[in-house]
Protein backbone atom coordinates (compact mmCIF):
# COMPACT_ATOMS: atom_id res chain seq x y z
CA MET A 1 -6.44 9.15 -22.28
CA ARG A 2 -6.04 6.80 -19.37
CA ASP A 3 -6.53 3.85 -21.71
CA GLU A 4 -3.14 4.58 -23.26
CA ILE A 5 -1.57 4.65 -19.80
CA LEU A 6 -3.12 1.30 -18.91
CA ASP A 7 -1.95 -0.23 -22.20
CA PHE A 8 1.57 1.03 -21.46
CA ILE A 9 1.41 -0.42 -17.94
CA GLU A 10 0.31 -3.78 -19.37
CA GLU A 11 3.36 -3.81 -21.63
CA LEU A 12 5.69 -3.05 -18.70
CA LYS A 13 4.13 -5.78 -16.60
CA PHE A 14 3.70 -8.64 -19.04
CA GLU A 15 6.14 -8.00 -21.89
CA LYS A 16 9.03 -6.35 -20.08
CA ASN A 17 8.48 -8.21 -16.79
CA TYR A 18 8.93 -5.12 -14.61
CA SER A 19 8.36 -5.64 -10.90
CA ASP A 20 5.06 -4.63 -9.30
CA LEU A 21 6.87 -1.89 -7.38
CA THR A 22 8.27 -0.36 -10.60
CA VAL A 23 4.98 -0.70 -12.48
CA ASN A 24 3.05 0.97 -9.66
CA GLY A 25 5.59 3.80 -9.66
CA TYR A 26 5.04 4.41 -13.37
CA LEU A 27 1.27 4.33 -12.92
CA LYS A 28 1.36 6.83 -10.07
CA ASP A 29 3.63 9.22 -12.03
CA LEU A 30 1.53 9.04 -15.20
CA ASP A 31 -1.77 9.48 -13.35
CA LEU A 32 -0.44 12.72 -11.86
CA PHE A 33 0.56 13.89 -15.34
CA LEU A 34 -2.88 13.00 -16.72
CA GLU A 35 -4.52 14.93 -13.90
CA TYR A 36 -2.39 17.94 -14.83
CA LEU A 37 -3.37 17.68 -18.51
CA CYS A 38 -7.07 17.51 -17.64
CA GLU A 39 -6.80 20.54 -15.37
CA ASN A 40 -5.19 22.45 -18.25
CA ASN A 41 -7.76 21.29 -20.80
CA ILE A 42 -5.28 19.26 -22.87
CA LYS A 43 -7.38 16.46 -24.32
CA SER A 44 -4.90 14.51 -26.40
CA TYR A 45 -1.31 13.37 -25.98
CA ASN A 46 -0.74 14.56 -29.54
CA ASP A 47 -1.46 18.10 -28.34
CA VAL A 48 1.22 18.03 -25.64
CA THR A 49 4.09 20.37 -26.54
CA TYR A 50 7.63 20.88 -25.29
CA GLN A 51 6.39 23.99 -23.46
CA ASP A 52 3.65 21.97 -21.75
CA ILE A 53 6.28 19.58 -20.42
CA ARG A 54 8.42 22.47 -19.16
CA LEU A 55 5.40 23.93 -17.36
CA TYR A 56 4.64 20.50 -15.88
CA VAL A 57 8.19 20.24 -14.53
CA ASN A 58 7.72 23.66 -12.92
CA TYR A 59 4.45 22.37 -11.48
CA LEU A 60 6.34 19.47 -9.87
CA TYR A 61 8.77 21.94 -8.32
CA ASP A 62 5.76 23.89 -6.98
CA LEU A 63 4.68 20.67 -5.26
CA ASN A 64 8.05 20.79 -3.44
CA TYR A 65 9.32 17.61 -5.08
CA ASN A 66 13.08 17.23 -4.94
CA ASN A 67 15.32 16.71 -7.97
CA LYS A 68 15.42 12.96 -7.53
CA THR A 69 11.63 12.66 -7.55
CA ILE A 70 11.27 15.04 -10.49
CA SER A 71 13.92 13.10 -12.40
CA ARG A 72 11.91 9.93 -11.84
CA HIS A 73 8.73 11.61 -13.12
CA ILE A 74 10.54 12.82 -16.26
CA SER A 75 11.95 9.33 -16.86
CA SER A 76 8.44 7.89 -16.57
CA LEU A 77 7.16 10.41 -19.12
CA LYS A 78 10.06 9.72 -21.48
CA SER A 79 9.31 6.00 -21.47
CA PHE A 80 5.60 6.60 -21.93
CA PHE A 81 5.95 9.06 -24.81
CA LYS A 82 8.48 6.81 -26.49
CA TYR A 83 5.84 4.08 -26.30
CA LEU A 84 3.20 6.44 -27.75
CA LYS A 85 5.49 7.39 -30.64
CA ILE A 86 6.35 3.77 -31.47
CA ASN A 87 2.64 2.92 -31.52
CA ASN A 88 1.78 5.96 -33.67
CA VAL A 89 -0.40 7.56 -31.01
CA ILE A 90 1.56 10.82 -31.34
CA ASN A 91 3.29 12.48 -34.28
CA ASP A 92 6.16 14.12 -32.35
CA ASN A 93 7.75 13.37 -29.02
CA PRO A 94 7.79 16.53 -26.82
CA LEU A 95 10.23 14.87 -24.37
CA THR A 96 13.11 14.67 -26.86
CA LEU A 97 14.78 17.87 -25.65
CA ILE A 98 13.81 17.56 -21.98
CA SER A 99 16.71 16.88 -19.64
CA ASN A 100 16.54 15.36 -16.18
CA PRO A 101 17.65 17.67 -13.37
CA LYS A 102 21.15 17.09 -12.03
CA LEU A 103 21.18 14.94 -8.95
CA GLU A 104 23.39 15.45 -5.96
CA LYS A 105 25.42 12.27 -5.58
CA LYS A 106 24.89 10.85 -2.13
CA LEU A 107 27.40 8.36 -0.86
CA PRO A 108 25.70 5.11 0.09
CA LYS A 109 25.43 4.37 3.78
CA PHE A 110 27.31 1.30 4.99
CA LEU A 111 28.19 -0.39 8.27
CA ASN A 112 31.63 -0.62 9.80
CA PHE A 113 32.82 -4.10 10.80
CA GLU A 114 31.96 -3.62 14.48
CA ASP A 115 28.32 -2.62 13.87
CA LEU A 116 27.98 -5.26 11.18
CA ASP A 117 29.11 -7.98 13.60
CA LYS A 118 26.57 -6.78 16.19
CA LEU A 119 23.81 -6.80 13.60
CA LEU A 120 24.58 -10.26 12.23
CA ASN A 121 24.67 -11.72 15.76
CA ALA A 122 21.54 -9.98 17.03
CA PHE A 123 19.25 -13.05 17.00
CA ASP A 124 19.29 -16.27 19.04
CA ASN A 125 20.13 -19.11 16.65
CA ASN A 126 18.76 -21.68 19.12
CA ASN A 127 15.31 -20.37 18.23
CA TYR A 128 14.03 -21.54 14.83
CA ILE A 129 12.74 -18.05 13.93
CA GLY A 130 15.95 -16.45 15.20
CA LEU A 131 17.96 -18.86 13.06
CA ARG A 132 15.93 -17.92 9.99
CA ASN A 133 16.42 -14.23 10.72
CA SER A 134 20.17 -14.67 11.21
CA LEU A 135 20.41 -16.43 7.86
CA ILE A 136 18.50 -13.65 6.12
CA LEU A 137 20.87 -11.02 7.53
CA GLU A 138 23.95 -13.08 6.71
CA MET A 139 22.77 -13.75 3.17
CA LEU A 140 21.98 -10.08 2.53
CA TYR A 141 25.53 -9.19 3.51
CA SER A 142 27.33 -12.23 2.08
CA THR A 143 25.75 -12.01 -1.38
CA GLY A 144 24.80 -8.34 -1.81
CA MET A 145 21.36 -9.37 -3.01
CA ARG A 146 18.37 -7.05 -3.21
CA VAL A 147 15.36 -7.79 -0.97
CA SER A 148 13.23 -8.61 -4.03
CA GLU A 149 15.83 -11.22 -5.01
CA ILE A 150 16.28 -12.85 -1.63
CA VAL A 151 12.55 -13.43 -1.07
CA SER A 152 12.34 -15.30 -4.39
CA ILE A 153 15.14 -17.85 -3.75
CA LYS A 154 14.02 -21.46 -4.17
CA LEU A 155 15.91 -24.47 -2.86
CA LYS A 156 16.64 -25.63 -6.41
CA ASP A 157 18.47 -22.32 -7.05
CA ILE A 158 21.17 -23.14 -4.49
CA SER A 159 24.30 -25.07 -5.43
CA PHE A 160 25.82 -26.31 -2.19
CA ASN A 161 28.90 -27.69 -3.95
CA ASN A 162 29.76 -24.34 -5.54
CA ARG A 163 28.30 -22.27 -2.70
CA SER A 164 26.36 -20.28 -5.26
CA ILE A 165 22.79 -19.15 -5.84
CA LYS A 166 21.12 -18.53 -9.18
CA ILE A 167 18.86 -15.50 -8.93
CA LEU A 168 16.60 -13.50 -11.20
CA GLY A 169 17.41 -9.81 -10.82
CA LYS A 170 16.19 -6.51 -12.24
CA GLY A 171 14.91 -6.64 -15.79
CA ASN A 172 14.43 -10.41 -15.51
CA LYS A 173 18.21 -10.90 -15.81
CA GLU A 174 19.73 -14.04 -14.37
CA ARG A 175 23.01 -13.98 -12.45
CA ILE A 176 25.01 -16.06 -9.99
CA VAL A 177 25.97 -14.89 -6.49
CA TYR A 178 28.20 -16.69 -4.00
CA PHE A 179 28.25 -17.30 -0.25
CA GLY A 180 30.98 -18.27 2.17
CA THR A 181 31.47 -20.80 4.96
CA LYS A 182 29.55 -18.84 7.61
CA CYS A 183 26.51 -18.42 5.39
CA GLY A 184 26.74 -22.04 4.23
CA ASN A 185 26.72 -23.30 7.81
CA LEU A 186 23.69 -21.17 8.61
CA ILE A 187 21.85 -22.54 5.57
CA ASP A 188 22.59 -26.11 6.73
CA ASN A 189 21.36 -25.39 10.27
CA TYR A 190 18.29 -23.57 8.99
CA LEU A 191 17.29 -26.45 6.72
CA LYS A 192 17.82 -28.98 9.55
CA HIS A 193 16.18 -27.11 12.43
CA SER A 194 13.84 -24.40 11.07
CA TYR A 195 12.67 -25.15 7.55
CA ASN A 196 10.27 -28.00 8.32
CA LYS A 197 8.68 -26.01 11.13
CA LEU A 198 8.03 -23.10 8.74
CA ASN A 199 7.16 -25.01 5.58
CA LEU A 200 3.55 -25.67 6.51
CA ASN A 201 2.31 -25.43 2.91
CA ASN A 202 5.00 -27.51 1.21
CA LEU A 203 6.47 -24.59 -0.74
CA ASP A 204 9.86 -24.62 -2.45
CA TYR A 205 10.93 -21.12 -1.40
CA LEU A 206 13.92 -20.88 0.94
CA PHE A 207 12.57 -18.17 3.23
CA LEU A 208 9.12 -18.59 4.72
CA SER A 209 7.01 -16.59 7.15
CA LYS A 210 5.70 -17.81 10.49
CA THR A 211 2.45 -18.76 8.74
CA GLY A 212 4.25 -20.89 6.16
CA LYS A 213 3.87 -18.46 3.28
CA LYS A 214 6.62 -17.04 1.08
CA ILE A 215 8.26 -14.25 3.08
CA ASN A 216 7.72 -10.75 1.68
CA ASP A 217 9.77 -7.55 1.40
CA ARG A 218 8.09 -5.88 4.36
CA GLU A 219 8.86 -8.79 6.68
CA ILE A 220 12.53 -8.67 5.66
CA ARG A 221 12.67 -4.95 6.44
CA THR A 222 11.04 -5.58 9.82
CA ILE A 223 13.67 -8.24 10.60
CA VAL A 224 16.47 -5.78 9.78
CA ASP A 225 14.83 -3.09 11.93
CA GLU A 226 14.51 -5.53 14.83
CA ALA A 227 18.14 -6.62 14.52
CA ALA A 228 19.31 -2.99 14.50
CA SER A 229 17.27 -2.34 17.65
CA ILE A 230 18.69 -5.40 19.43
CA ALA A 231 22.23 -4.46 18.36
CA ASN A 232 21.62 -0.89 19.57
CA ILE A 233 22.65 0.63 16.24
CA LYS A 234 21.44 4.22 16.28
CA THR A 235 21.59 5.00 12.56
CA LYS A 236 18.74 3.94 10.29
CA ILE A 237 19.47 0.55 8.77
CA SER A 238 17.73 -1.05 5.79
CA PRO A 239 18.34 -4.23 3.78
CA HIS A 240 19.90 -2.05 1.09
CA VAL A 241 22.48 -0.80 3.61
CA LEU A 242 23.71 -4.40 3.85
CA ARG A 243 24.00 -4.46 0.04
CA HIS A 244 26.01 -1.24 0.20
CA THR A 245 28.13 -2.73 2.97
CA PHE A 246 28.82 -5.83 0.88
CA ALA A 247 30.04 -3.72 -2.05
CA THR A 248 32.12 -1.37 0.10
CA HIS A 249 33.83 -4.17 2.01
CA MET A 250 34.54 -6.13 -1.17
CA LEU A 251 36.28 -3.16 -2.78
CA SER A 252 38.08 -2.25 0.44
CA GLU A 253 39.51 -5.76 0.61
CA GLY A 254 40.84 -5.62 -2.96
CA ALA A 255 38.02 -6.88 -5.21
CA ASP A 256 38.01 -5.35 -8.69
CA LEU A 257 35.16 -3.10 -9.79
CA ARG A 258 33.98 -5.35 -12.65
CA SER A 259 33.57 -8.35 -10.36
CA VAL A 260 31.56 -6.34 -7.85
CA GLN A 261 29.43 -5.00 -10.71
CA GLU A 262 28.63 -8.57 -11.79
CA LEU A 263 27.86 -9.71 -8.25
CA LEU A 264 25.53 -6.76 -7.64
CA GLY A 265 23.82 -7.15 -11.00
CA HIS A 266 24.46 -3.54 -12.05
CA GLU A 267 23.87 -2.99 -15.75
CA ASN A 268 26.31 -0.07 -15.90
CA LEU A 269 29.74 0.16 -14.29
CA SER A 270 29.04 3.79 -13.39
CA THR A 271 26.43 2.58 -10.86
CA THR A 272 29.08 0.54 -9.08
CA GLN A 273 31.71 3.30 -9.23
CA ILE A 274 29.98 5.30 -6.48
CA TYR A 275 31.52 2.85 -3.99
CA THR A 276 35.02 3.89 -5.05
CA HIS A 277 34.40 7.25 -3.35
CA LEU A 278 34.24 5.33 -0.09
CA THR A 279 37.22 3.08 -0.70
CA ASN A 280 39.36 5.95 -2.04
CA GLU A 281 39.24 7.56 1.40
CA LYS A 282 40.73 4.39 2.88
CA ILE A 283 43.51 4.44 0.25
CA ARG A 284 44.18 8.10 1.08
CA ASN A 285 44.54 7.31 4.78
CA VAL A 286 46.86 4.39 4.02
CA TYR A 287 49.05 6.72 1.96
CA LEU A 288 49.12 9.46 4.60
CA ASN A 289 50.02 6.99 7.32
CA SER A 290 52.55 4.99 5.33
CA HIS A 291 54.55 7.15 2.94
CA PRO A 292 57.65 8.62 4.62
CA ARG A 293 57.09 12.04 3.02
CA ALA A 294 53.36 12.06 3.74
CA LYS A 295 53.32 11.25 7.44
CA ILE A 296 52.18 14.10 9.61
CA ASN A 297 53.95 14.77 12.95
CA LYS A 298 55.82 11.47 12.84
């Protein structure tokens, strides 16, 4: 039964071009499900019933998984069983009537302008590694890119005339992001003073590690952690917080939702709309402080 899982994983990896992180997540989820089937003496995917899936969901709750994790497991199973049905491995899909648990919507964490300024100025730009780190932070905020996207930027992807970068995002979808004067100046300085010192292996990637290799996700996260420590920011900061900050600040300053959706590479507008909960509070405060009949104790 694991052969079917491995075939499915191969399709995700080579035909659908899913990232290694996503593929490994699917594999982990499906291996747990297979372990459950074996423990319950279910020897074929064709024998799995709706009731079996319901019992498996209860099993996940017994493992103290939260709704978000369980929803991910169900989504993995839905994709897998859809694959099995298309390839005639099963006669009926037991996931058809299974719903994902409702998720509590958490507002994304973002930085205020004061903390953001401290973070972006945490490193010494006179040091070639510090300059690289400053550019990474500035680019995360200026473009709203994901970590997986920023580590894959090549020099040929950057248009200095248009101040734009062509990137390959989720689902192998190409999009254009833009950067401003501050980021552009940092790129120029980085290429003049840091790039040759880092590019020991003659690579064409923009961001390189101290050993001259393509920088990886973990190193980016470490850089953000270090900057937060230097800036004495107490709350937990991640590269994705800078993406959230980009979106929140764009909307707060008047950008329309569709444009922000395009810049972030969100497939659905509903994904971007969560940021309106943050900007709506600002609008509310403007109203309360500005409208003659809304002002309190004035």
